[in-house]
Protein backbone atom coordinates (compact mmCIF):
# COMPACT_ATOMS: atom_id res chain seq x y z
CA MET A 1 258.15 104.32 -46.17
CA PRO A 2 260.16 103.04 -49.00
CA GLU A 3 262.36 105.43 -50.93
CA PHE A 4 260.26 105.11 -54.13
CA ASP A 5 256.65 103.48 -54.42
CA PHE A 6 256.58 102.65 -58.19
CA ALA A 7 253.23 102.48 -60.07
CA LYS A 8 252.84 101.46 -63.74
CA SER A 9 252.33 104.32 -65.99
CA THR A 10 249.08 104.77 -67.75
CA TYR A 11 251.16 105.05 -71.02
CA SER A 12 252.36 101.50 -70.72
CA ASN A 13 250.80 99.00 -72.94
CA ALA A 14 249.92 95.39 -72.86
CA GLY A 15 252.75 94.35 -75.12
CA GLY A 16 255.35 94.50 -72.32
CA GLU A 17 256.42 98.10 -72.88
CA CYS A 18 256.00 99.04 -69.25
CA VAL A 19 257.34 102.21 -67.53
CA GLU A 20 256.87 102.60 -63.89
CA VAL A 21 256.81 106.03 -62.07
CA ALA A 22 257.25 106.95 -58.43
CA ARG A 23 255.89 110.33 -57.29
CA ASN A 24 255.71 109.59 -53.49
CA ASN A 25 258.85 111.82 -52.81
CA PRO A 26 258.13 115.47 -53.22
CA GLU A 27 261.88 116.15 -54.04
CA VAL A 28 262.35 113.68 -56.92
CA ILE A 29 260.31 111.86 -59.49
CA ALA A 30 261.72 108.22 -60.30
CA VAL A 31 261.18 106.42 -63.43
CA ARG A 32 262.30 102.82 -64.35
CA ASP A 33 261.62 100.02 -66.88
CA SER A 34 259.54 97.43 -65.22
CA LYS A 35 261.48 94.76 -67.04
CA THR A 36 264.82 95.64 -65.39
CA PRO A 37 265.96 93.97 -61.98
CA PRO A 38 265.04 95.95 -58.80
CA ASP A 39 268.60 97.10 -58.28
CA ALA A 40 268.94 98.43 -61.85
CA PRO A 41 269.54 102.17 -62.41
CA ILE A 42 266.55 104.45 -61.91
CA LEU A 43 266.03 107.72 -63.71
CA ARG A 44 265.61 110.58 -61.22
CA LEU A 45 264.03 113.85 -62.27
CA SER A 46 263.17 117.08 -60.38
CA PRO A 47 259.56 117.90 -60.23
CA THR A 48 260.21 120.83 -62.52
CA ALA A 49 261.79 118.75 -65.08
CA TRP A 50 259.05 116.12 -64.85
CA ARG A 51 256.42 118.67 -65.41
CA LYS A 52 258.13 119.88 -68.52
CA PHE A 53 258.65 116.31 -69.73
CA THR A 54 255.04 115.26 -69.25
CA ALA A 55 253.83 118.65 -70.76
CA ALA A 56 255.93 118.14 -73.92
CA GLN A 57 254.19 116.65 -76.98
């Protein structure tokens, strides 16, 4: 299994503002900009931090 299995976020839009999220690892949530090269840095969050982030409005 790859370290991260990225999927386009439902918050991404058709104008090229694309965020990809990987939630296949129970210990870390990974977030990246789809326009960056595959070897670009990835934002890694704990599941607790991810829940707080997605709950914030």
